[in-house]
Amino acid sequence: MSEDVGLARELVEQKEKVRDVEQILERTHLKRLRQGLTESIETSAIHLELLRSLKMVNTSFAMIAYPLLEEHVELL
């Protein structure tokens, strides 16, 4: 909204960090499932849906920055 290229770049960089955290959380969850932890099995659908939602929100926020970065030839 402010058309600040630096903030747009930071938003895209944060997308990568959030994606990395999401992948770690998913691997950790799958590890718990392989261990047969009852709590993880019972809440697996909720856990995975929450991770998918996090990914969707993260992508949506980053999409705001892409047009500005493209306009200023800042998109890698």
PDB file of N, CA and C in Angstrom:
ATOM      1  N   MET A   1       0.824  -1.187   0.000  1.00  0.00           N
ATOM      2  CA  MET A   1       0.000   0.000   0.000  1.00  0.00           C
ATOM      3  C   MET A   1       0.870   1.255   0.000  1.00  0.00           C
ATOM      4  N   SER A   2       2.002   1.195   0.686  1.00  0.00           N
ATOM      5  CA  SER A   2       2.884   2.366   0.744  1.00  0.00           C
ATOM      6  C   SER A   2       3.806   2.434  -0.471  1.00  0.00           C
ATOM      7  N   GLU A   3       3.823   1.363  -1.262  1.00  0.00           N
ATOM      8  CA  GLU A   3       4.691   1.248  -2.439  1.00  0.00           C
ATOM      9  C   GLU A   3       6.165   1.378  -2.080  1.00  0.00           C
ATOM     10  N   ASP A   4       6.510   0.915  -0.881  1.00  0.00           N
ATOM     11  CA  ASP A   4       7.892   0.913  -0.415  1.00  0.00           C
ATOM     12  C   ASP A   4       8.556  -0.367  -0.920  1.00  0.00           C
ATOM     13  N   VAL A   5       9.507  -0.218  -1.822  1.00  0.00           N
ATOM     14  CA  VAL A   5      10.174  -1.371  -2.443  1.00  0.00           C
ATOM     15  C   VAL A   5      10.929  -2.191  -1.395  1.00  0.00           C
ATOM     16  N   GLY A   6      11.551  -1.529  -0.439  1.00  0.00           N
ATOM     17  CA  GLY A   6      12.284  -2.241   0.612  1.00  0.00           C
ATOM     18  C   GLY A   6      11.370  -3.125   1.437  1.00  0.00           C
ATOM     19  N   LEU A   7      10.201  -2.601   1.783  1.00  0.00           N
ATOM     20  CA  LEU A   7       9.238  -3.407   2.543  1.00  0.00           C
ATOM     21  C   LEU A   7       8.698  -4.552   1.697  1.00  0.00           C
ATOM     22  N   ALA A   8       8.502  -4.291   0.411  1.00  0.00           N
ATOM     23  CA  ALA A   8       8.030  -5.354  -0.484  1.00  0.00           C
ATOM     24  C   ALA A   8       9.059  -6.478  -0.556  1.00  0.00           C
ATOM     25  N   ARG A   9      10.323  -6.104  -0.663  1.00  0.00           N
ATOM     26  CA  ARG A   9      11.398  -7.108  -0.719  1.00  0.00           C
ATOM     27  C   ARG A   9      11.440  -7.912   0.583  1.00  0.00           C
ATOM     28  N   GLU A  10      11.288  -7.203   1.711  1.00  0.00           N
ATOM     29  CA  GLU A  10      11.292  -7.875   3.012  1.00  0.00           C
ATOM     30  C   GLU A  10      10.116  -8.844   3.136  1.00  0.00           C
ATOM     31  N   LEU A  11       8.970  -8.460   2.611  1.00  0.00           N
ATOM     32  CA  LEU A  11       7.794  -9.324   2.648  1.00  0.00           C
ATOM     33  C   LEU A  11       8.050 -10.627   1.897  1.00  0.00           C
ATOM     34  N   VAL A  12       8.680 -10.527   0.734  1.00  0.00           N
ATOM     35  CA  VAL A  12       9.001 -11.730  -0.049  1.00  0.00           C
ATOM     36  C   VAL A  12      10.047 -12.572   0.673  1.00  0.00           C
ATOM     37  N   GLU A  13      11.028 -11.921   1.303  1.00  0.00           N
ATOM     38  CA  GLU A  13      12.048 -12.661   2.056  1.00  0.00           C
ATOM     39  C   GLU A  13      11.414 -13.396   3.240  1.00  0.00           C
ATOM     40  N   GLN A  14      10.473 -12.756   3.898  1.00  0.00           N
ATOM     41  CA  GLN A  14       9.787 -13.397   5.023  1.00  0.00           C
ATOM     42  C   GLN A  14       8.974 -14.593   4.551  1.00  0.00           C
ATOM     43  N   LYS A  15       8.466 -14.524   3.320  1.00  0.00           N
ATOM     44  CA  LYS A  15       7.721 -15.660   2.773  1.00  0.00           C
ATOM     45  C   LYS A  15       8.598 -16.903   2.779  1.00  0.00           C
ATOM     46  N   GLU A  16       9.846 -16.733   2.389  1.00  0.00           N
ATOM     47  CA  GLU A  16      10.784 -17.864   2.359  1.00  0.00           C
ATOM     48  C   GLU A  16      11.024 -18.412   3.765  1.00  0.00           C
ATOM     49  N   LYS A  17      11.170 -17.527   4.728  1.00  0.00           N
ATOM     50  CA  LYS A  17      11.401 -17.970   6.108  1.00  0.00           C
ATOM     51  C   LYS A  17      10.194 -18.719   6.653  1.00  0.00           C
ATOM     52  N   VAL A  18       9.014 -18.199   6.391  1.00  0.00           N
ATOM     53  CA  VAL A  18       7.796 -18.866   6.862  1.00  0.00           C
ATOM     54  C   VAL A  18       7.653 -20.221   6.179  1.00  0.00           C
ATOM     55  N   ARG A  19       7.990 -20.293   4.897  1.00  0.00           N
ATOM     56  CA  ARG A  19       7.931 -21.566   4.179  1.00  0.00           C
ATOM     57  C   ARG A  19       8.883 -22.587   4.802  1.00  0.00           C
ATOM     58  N   ASP A  20      10.080 -22.146   5.171  1.00  0.00           N
ATOM     59  CA  ASP A  20      11.038 -23.047   5.813  1.00  0.00           C
ATOM     60  C   ASP A  20      10.491 -23.576   7.142  1.00  0.00           C
ATOM     61  N   VAL A  21       9.893 -22.684   7.938  1.00  0.00           N
ATOM     62  CA  VAL A  21       9.310 -23.094   9.218  1.00  0.00           C
ATOM     63  C   VAL A  21       8.167 -24.081   8.982  1.00  0.00           C
ATOM     64  N   GLU A  22       7.339 -23.799   7.982  1.00  0.00           N
ATOM     65  CA  GLU A  22       6.221 -24.690   7.662  1.00  0.00           C
ATOM     66  C   GLU A  22       6.733 -26.084   7.305  1.00  0.00           C
ATOM     67  N   GLN A  23       7.795 -26.165   6.529  1.00  0.00           N
ATOM     68  CA  GLN A  23       8.357 -27.461   6.141  1.00  0.00           C
ATOM     69  C   GLN A  23       8.920 -28.198   7.348  1.00  0.00           C
ATOM     70  N   ILE A  24       9.565 -27.478   8.249  1.00  0.00           N
ATOM     71  CA  ILE A  24      10.093 -28.098   9.467  1.00  0.00           C
ATOM     72  C   ILE A  24       8.945 -28.652  10.311  1.00  0.00           C
ATOM     73  N   LEU A  25       7.898 -27.861  10.465  1.00  0.00           N
ATOM     74  CA  LEU A  25       6.746 -28.311  11.254  1.00  0.00           C
ATOM     75  C   LEU A  25       6.092 -29.543  10.643  1.00  0.00           C
ATOM     76  N   GLU A  26       6.005 -29.570   9.325  1.00  0.00           N
ATOM     77  CA  GLU A  26       5.408 -30.728   8.659  1.00  0.00           C
ATOM     78  C   GLU A  26       6.267 -31.978   8.852  1.00  0.00           C
ATOM     79  N   ARG A  27       7.580 -31.834   8.685  1.00  0.00           N
ATOM     80  CA  ARG A  27       8.475 -32.991   8.883  1.00  0.00           C
ATOM     81  C   ARG A  27       8.401 -33.497  10.326  1.00  0.00           C
ATOM     82  N   THR A  28       8.361 -32.569  11.277  1.00  0.00           N
ATOM     83  CA  THR A  28       8.278 -32.938  12.681  1.00  0.00           C
ATOM     84  C   THR A  28       6.974 -33.680  12.963  1.00  0.00           C
ATOM     85  N   HIS A  29       5.902 -33.194  12.386  1.00  0.00           N
ATOM     86  CA  HIS A  29       4.605 -33.846  12.571  1.00  0.00           C
ATOM     87  C   HIS A  29       4.628 -35.265  11.988  1.00  0.00           C
ATOM     88  N   LEU A  30       5.150 -35.395  10.789  1.00  0.00           N
ATOM     89  CA  LEU A  30       5.209 -36.720  10.159  1.00  0.00           C
ATOM     90  C   LEU A  30       6.090 -37.674  10.962  1.00  0.00           C
ATOM     91  N   LYS A  31       7.138 -37.148  11.548  1.00  0.00           N
ATOM     92  CA  LYS A  31       7.999 -37.976  12.407  1.00  0.00           C
ATOM     93  C   LYS A  31       7.205 -38.499  13.606  1.00  0.00           C
ATOM     94  N   ARG A  32       6.399 -37.610  14.213  1.00  0.00           N
ATOM     95  CA  ARG A  32       5.567 -38.036  15.348  1.00  0.00           C
ATOM     96  C   ARG A  32       4.543 -39.080  14.912  1.00  0.00           C
ATOM     97  N   LEU A  33       4.005 -38.939  13.705  1.00  0.00           N
ATOM     98  CA  LEU A  33       3.051 -39.935  13.197  1.00  0.00           C
ATOM     99  C   LEU A  33       3.730 -41.290  13.034  1.00  0.00           C
ATOM    100  N   ARG A  34       4.947 -41.289  12.491  1.00  0.00           N
ATOM    101  CA  ARG A  34       5.684 -42.548  12.319  1.00  0.00           C
ATOM    102  C   ARG A  34       5.986 -43.206  13.663  1.00  0.00           C
ATOM    103  N   GLN A  35       6.123 -42.381  14.706  1.00  0.00           N
ATOM    104  CA  GLN A  35       6.380 -42.914  16.037  1.00  0.00           C
ATOM    105  C   GLN A  35       5.102 -43.481  16.667  1.00  0.00           C
ATOM    106  N   GLY A  36       3.971 -43.215  16.034  1.00  0.00           N
ATOM    107  CA  GLY A  36       2.710 -43.747  16.525  1.00  0.00           C
ATOM    108  C   GLY A  36       2.118 -43.001  17.709  1.00  0.00           C
ATOM    109  N   LEU A  37       2.498 -41.740  17.888  1.00  0.00           N
ATOM    110  CA  LEU A  37       1.967 -40.971  19.009  1.00  0.00           C
ATOM    111  C   LEU A  37       0.469 -40.727  18.818  1.00  0.00           C
ATOM    112  N   THR A  38      -0.311 -41.202  19.758  1.00  0.00           N
ATOM    113  CA  THR A  38      -1.769 -41.125  19.676  1.00  0.00           C
ATOM    114  C   THR A  38      -2.255 -39.699  19.480  1.00  0.00           C
ATOM    115  N   GLU A  39      -1.675 -38.757  20.236  1.00  0.00           N
ATOM    116  CA  GLU A  39      -2.099 -37.360  20.142  1.00  0.00           C
ATOM    117  C   GLU A  39      -1.902 -36.821  18.718  1.00  0.00           C
ATOM    118  N   SER A  40      -0.809 -37.188  18.104  1.00  0.00           N
ATOM    119  CA  SER A  40      -0.520 -36.713  16.758  1.00  0.00           C
ATOM    120  C   SER A  40      -1.446 -37.350  15.739  1.00  0.00           C
ATOM    121  N   ILE A  41      -1.747 -38.612  15.926  1.00  0.00           N
ATOM    122  CA  ILE A  41      -2.657 -39.304  15.012  1.00  0.00           C
ATOM    123  C   ILE A  41      -4.049 -38.685  15.100  1.00  0.00           C
ATOM    124  N   GLU A  42      -4.506 -38.407  16.316  1.00  0.00           N
ATOM    125  CA  GLU A  42      -5.848 -37.858  16.521  1.00  0.00           C
ATOM    126  C   GLU A  42      -5.986 -36.436  15.980  1.00  0.00           C
ATOM    127  N   THR A  43      -4.915 -35.686  15.980  1.00  0.00           N
ATOM    128  CA  THR A  43      -4.988 -34.286  15.549  1.00  0.00           C
ATOM    129  C   THR A  43      -4.317 -34.040  14.200  1.00  0.00           C
ATOM    130  N   SER A  44      -3.970 -35.085  13.491  1.00  0.00           N
ATOM    131  CA  SER A  44      -3.217 -34.952  12.257  1.00  0.00           C
ATOM    132  C   SER A  44      -3.928 -34.093  11.218  1.00  0.00           C
ATOM    133  N   ALA A  45      -5.193 -34.336  10.993  1.00  0.00           N
ATOM    134  CA  ALA A  45      -5.926 -33.588   9.974  1.00  0.00           C
ATOM    135  C   ALA A  45      -5.938 -32.093  10.314  1.00  0.00           C
ATOM    136  N   ILE A  46      -6.147 -31.775  11.578  1.00  0.00           N
ATOM    137  CA  ILE A  46      -6.158 -30.377  12.006  1.00  0.00           C
ATOM    138  C   ILE A  46      -4.773 -29.753  11.817  1.00  0.00           C
ATOM    139  N   HIS A  47      -3.760 -30.488  12.210  1.00  0.00           N
ATOM    140  CA  HIS A  47      -2.387 -29.990  12.113  1.00  0.00           C
ATOM    141  C   HIS A  47      -2.022 -29.695  10.658  1.00  0.00           C
ATOM    142  N   LEU A  48      -2.301 -30.642   9.771  1.00  0.00           N
ATOM    143  CA  LEU A  48      -1.943 -30.470   8.364  1.00  0.00           C
ATOM    144  C   LEU A  48      -2.763 -29.365   7.709  1.00  0.00           C
ATOM    145  N   GLU A  49      -4.043 -29.261   8.085  1.00  0.00           N
ATOM    146  CA  GLU A  49      -4.881 -28.186   7.546  1.00  0.00           C
ATOM    147  C   GLU A  49      -4.368 -26.828   8.011  1.00  0.00           C
ATOM    148  N   LEU A  50      -3.948 -26.742   9.247  1.00  0.00           N
ATOM    149  CA  LEU A  50      -3.392 -25.494   9.764  1.00  0.00           C
ATOM    150  C   LEU A  50      -2.121 -25.107   9.002  1.00  0.00           C
ATOM    151  N   LEU A  51      -1.273 -26.085   8.722  1.00  0.00           N
ATOM    152  CA  LEU A  51      -0.055 -25.806   7.954  1.00  0.00           C
ATOM    153  C   LEU A  51      -0.394 -25.347   6.534  1.00  0.00           C
ATOM    154  N   ARG A  52      -1.400 -25.974   5.905  1.00  0.00           N
ATOM    155  CA  ARG A  52      -1.820 -25.551   4.569  1.00  0.00           C
ATOM    156  C   ARG A  52      -2.358 -24.119   4.592  1.00  0.00           C
ATOM    157  N   SER A  53      -3.118 -23.805   5.627  1.00  0.00           N
ATOM    158  CA  SER A  53      -3.669 -22.454   5.752  1.00  0.00           C
ATOM    159  C   SER A  53      -2.560 -21.433   5.963  1.00  0.00           C
ATOM    160  N   LEU A  54      -1.581 -21.777   6.769  1.00  0.00           N
ATOM    161  CA  LEU A  54      -0.432 -20.895   6.986  1.00  0.00           C
ATOM    162  C   LEU A  54       0.273 -20.617   5.659  1.00  0.00           C
ATOM    163  N   LYS A  55       0.456 -21.661   4.872  1.00  0.00           N
ATOM    164  CA  LYS A  55       1.107 -21.517   3.581  1.00  0.00           C
ATOM    165  C   LYS A  55       0.287 -20.608   2.659  1.00  0.00           C
ATOM    166  N   MET A  56      -1.023 -20.773   2.656  1.00  0.00           N
ATOM    167  CA  MET A  56      -1.895 -19.968   1.819  1.00  0.00           C
ATOM    168  C   MET A  56      -1.859 -18.488   2.215  1.00  0.00           C
ATOM    169  N   VAL A  57      -1.929 -18.223   3.512  1.00  0.00           N
ATOM    170  CA  VAL A  57      -1.874 -16.845   4.000  1.00  0.00           C
ATOM    171  C   VAL A  57      -0.517 -16.231   3.670  1.00  0.00           C
ATOM    172  N   ASN A  58       0.525 -16.986   3.880  1.00  0.00           N
ATOM    173  CA  ASN A  58       1.881 -16.515   3.590  1.00  0.00           C
ATOM    174  C   ASN A  58       2.012 -16.136   2.108  1.00  0.00           C
ATOM    175  N   THR A  59       1.519 -16.992   1.238  1.00  0.00           N
ATOM    176  CA  THR A  59       1.575 -16.724  -0.197  1.00  0.00           C
ATOM    177  C   THR A  59       0.743 -15.506  -0.553  1.00  0.00           C
ATOM    178  N   SER A  60      -0.418 -15.384   0.041  1.00  0.00           N
ATOM    179  CA  SER A  60      -1.297 -14.242  -0.243  1.00  0.00           C
ATOM    180  C   SER A  60      -0.625 -12.925   0.129  1.00  0.00           C
ATOM    181  N   PHE A  61       0.025 -12.889   1.277  1.00  0.00           N
ATOM    182  CA  PHE A  61       0.726 -11.662   1.675  1.00  0.00           C
ATOM    183  C   PHE A  61       1.858 -11.343   0.706  1.00  0.00           C
ATOM    184  N   ALA A  62       2.609 -12.342   0.328  1.00  0.00           N
ATOM    185  CA  ALA A  62       3.740 -12.108  -0.570  1.00  0.00           C
ATOM    186  C   ALA A  62       3.270 -11.649  -1.952  1.00  0.00           C
ATOM    187  N   MET A  63       2.113 -12.119  -2.387  1.00  0.00           N
ATOM    188  CA  MET A  63       1.591 -11.737  -3.698  1.00  0.00           C
ATOM    189  C   MET A  63       1.366 -10.230  -3.795  1.00  0.00           C
ATOM    190  N   ILE A  64       1.150  -9.585  -2.670  1.00  0.00           N
ATOM    191  CA  ILE A  64       0.969  -8.137  -2.653  1.00  0.00           C
ATOM    192  C   ILE A  64       2.246  -7.448  -3.128  1.00  0.00           C
ATOM    193  N   ALA A  65       3.388  -8.018  -2.792  1.00  0.00           N
ATOM    194  CA  ALA A  65       4.676  -7.385  -3.075  1.00  0.00           C
ATOM    195  C   ALA A  65       5.161  -7.599  -4.507  1.00  0.00           C
ATOM    196  N   TYR A  66       4.775  -8.691  -5.141  1.00  0.00           N
ATOM    197  CA  TYR A  66       5.325  -9.025  -6.453  1.00  0.00           C
ATOM    198  C   TYR A  66       5.127  -7.951  -7.518  1.00  0.00           C
ATOM    199  N   PRO A  67       3.940  -7.377  -7.682  1.00  0.00           N
ATOM    200  CA  PRO A  67       3.790  -6.353  -8.730  1.00  0.00           C
ATOM    201  C   PRO A  67       4.715  -5.151  -8.529  1.00  0.00           C
ATOM    202  N   LEU A  68       4.886  -4.725  -7.299  1.00  0.00           N
ATOM    203  CA  LEU A  68       5.762  -3.589  -7.014  1.00  0.00           C
ATOM    204  C   LEU A  68       7.212  -3.937  -7.326  1.00  0.00           C
ATOM    205  N   LEU A  69       7.624  -5.140  -6.941  1.00  0.00           N
ATOM    206  CA  LEU A  69       8.998  -5.565  -7.210  1.00  0.00           C
ATOM    207  C   LEU A  69       9.240  -5.720  -8.711  1.00  0.00           C
ATOM    208  N   GLU A  70       8.248  -6.224  -9.438  1.00  0.00           N
ATOM    209  CA  GLU A  70       8.384  -6.341 -10.888  1.00  0.00           C
ATOM    210  C   GLU A  70       8.509  -4.961 -11.540  1.00  0.00           C
ATOM    211  N   GLU A  71       7.686  -4.048 -11.067  1.00  0.00           N
ATOM    212  CA  GLU A  71       7.701  -2.681 -11.602  1.00  0.00           C
ATOM    213  C   GLU A  71       9.062  -2.017 -11.438  1.00  0.00           C
ATOM    214  N   HIS A  72       9.737  -2.308 -10.332  1.00  0.00           N
ATOM    215  CA  HIS A  72      11.043  -1.700 -10.053  1.00  0.00           C
ATOM    216  C   HIS A  72      12.205  -2.637 -10.399  1.00  0.00           C
ATOM    217  N   VAL A  73      11.915  -3.692 -11.147  1.00  0.00           N
ATOM    218  CA  VAL A  73      12.912  -4.679 -11.579  1.00  0.00           C
ATOM    219  C   VAL A  73      13.715  -5.175 -10.377  1.00  0.00           C
ATOM    220  N   GLU A  74      13.010  -5.519  -9.315  1.00  0.00           N
ATOM    221  CA  GLU A  74      13.629  -5.997  -8.084  1.00  0.00           C
ATOM    222  C   GLU A  74      13.321  -7.473  -7.837  1.00  0.00           C
ATOM    223  N   LEU A  75      12.512  -8.058  -8.686  1.00  0.00           N
ATOM    224  CA  LEU A  75      12.099  -9.442  -8.467  1.00  0.00           C
ATOM    225  C   LEU A  75      13.182 -10.380  -8.972  1.00  0.00           C
ATOM    226  N   LEU A  76      13.595 -11.284  -8.090  1.00  0.00           N
ATOM    227  CA  LEU A  76      14.661 -12.231  -8.474  1.00  0.00           C
ATOM    228  C   LEU A  76      14.090 -13.374  -9.260  1.00  0.00           C
TER     229      LEU A  76
END
